[in-house]
Amino acid sequence: MTAKVTLSFSDETIEEARRFAKREGLSLSAWMDQAAREKALREVFAAHAAAVRRAGLDVESAALADASEVGMVDDLLFGGRPRAA
């Protein structure tokens, strides 16, 4: 479903949006929809990351440790040769 709304933008903002939309082969409406959706998702992900930090979870260190462990196992099993996909 699509809703029609009236929005106001500065001349500079709308010109930049038109230029980006044209570059990407999108209508201005489609580009603005995509930009708004991406901004909303960034806000959600940023809020989630903040909650993870407040909870004291260090998922980045855990992910790096996991990747290191996978590398060590690969070295042991495959002797530095790339494994088959």
Protein backbone atom coordinates (compact mmCIF):
# COMPACT_ATOMS: atom_id res chain seq x y z
CA MET A 1 0.00 0.00 0.00
CA THR A 2 1.23 3.49 -0.80
CA ALA A 3 0.27 6.70 0.99
CA LYS A 4 0.48 10.10 -0.63
CA VAL A 5 1.88 12.80 1.65
CA THR A 6 2.97 16.38 1.26
CA LEU A 7 6.47 17.15 2.50
CA SER A 8 8.63 20.26 2.44
CA PHE A 9 12.37 20.19 1.77
CA SER A 10 15.00 22.86 1.31
CA ASP A 11 15.90 23.56 -2.31
CA GLU A 12 19.36 22.10 -1.74
CA THR A 13 18.01 18.87 -0.24
CA ILE A 14 15.48 18.25 -3.00
CA GLU A 15 18.04 18.93 -5.74
CA GLU A 16 20.48 16.47 -4.17
CA ALA A 17 17.71 13.90 -3.79
CA ARG A 18 16.72 14.33 -7.44
CA ARG A 19 20.33 13.92 -8.52
CA PHE A 20 20.79 10.75 -6.44
CA ALA A 21 17.48 9.32 -7.65
CA LYS A 22 18.41 9.92 -11.28
CA ARG A 23 21.87 8.40 -10.76
CA GLU A 24 20.28 5.27 -9.31
CA GLY A 25 17.57 5.10 -11.98
CA LEU A 26 14.76 5.64 -9.49
CA SER A 27 11.87 8.02 -9.32
CA LEU A 28 12.21 10.72 -6.69
CA SER A 29 9.41 9.07 -4.68
CA ALA A 30 11.08 5.66 -4.80
CA TRP A 31 14.43 7.14 -3.80
CA MET A 32 12.91 9.08 -0.89
CA ASP A 33 11.05 5.95 0.25
CA GLN A 34 14.28 3.96 0.19
CA ALA A 35 16.21 6.72 1.98
CA ALA A 36 13.59 6.98 4.73
CA ARG A 37 13.50 3.19 5.16
CA GLU A 38 17.30 3.01 5.38
CA LYS A 39 17.35 5.80 7.97
CA ALA A 40 14.71 4.01 10.06
CA LEU A 41 16.71 0.76 9.92
CA ARG A 42 19.89 2.56 10.96
CA GLU A 43 18.03 3.97 13.97
CA VAL A 44 16.76 0.50 14.93
CA PHE A 45 20.20 -1.07 14.56
CA ALA A 46 21.86 1.77 16.49
CA ALA A 47 19.34 1.36 19.32
CA HIS A 48 20.00 -2.39 19.36
CA ALA A 49 23.77 -1.87 19.45
CA ALA A 50 23.37 0.60 22.32
CA ALA A 51 21.25 -1.92 24.25
CA VAL A 52 23.88 -4.63 23.69
CA ARG A 53 26.60 -2.27 24.96
CA ARG A 54 24.52 -1.33 28.02
CA ALA A 55 24.01 -5.02 28.75
CA GLY A 56 27.78 -5.41 28.81
CA LEU A 57 27.85 -7.91 25.98
CA ASP A 58 31.06 -7.86 23.96
CA VAL A 59 29.82 -9.55 20.80
CA GLU A 60 32.61 -8.07 18.67
CA SER A 61 35.33 -9.70 20.77
CA ALA A 62 33.41 -12.98 20.75
CA ALA A 63 33.06 -12.85 16.96
CA LEU A 64 36.77 -12.10 16.53
CA ALA A 65 37.66 -14.98 18.87
CA ASP A 66 35.38 -17.30 16.89
CA ALA A 67 37.01 -16.25 13.61
CA SER A 68 40.45 -16.82 15.11
CA GLU A 69 39.42 -20.27 16.31
CA VAL A 70 38.06 -21.18 12.87
CA GLY A 71 41.37 -20.08 11.35
CA MET A 72 43.35 -22.26 13.76
CA VAL A 73 41.16 -25.29 13.03
CA ASP A 74 41.48 -24.69 9.28
CA ASP A 75 45.26 -24.51 9.62
CA LEU A 76 45.32 -27.78 11.55
CA LEU A 77 42.94 -29.58 9.21
CA PHE A 78 44.00 -28.13 5.88
CA GLY A 79 47.59 -27.09 6.51
CA GLY A 80 47.03 -23.58 5.19
CA ARG A 81 45.41 -24.83 1.98
CA PRO A 82 42.03 -23.32 1.15
CA ARG A 83 39.20 -25.66 2.00
CA ALA A 84 36.62 -26.70 -0.59
CA ALA A 85 33.48 -24.60 -0.56
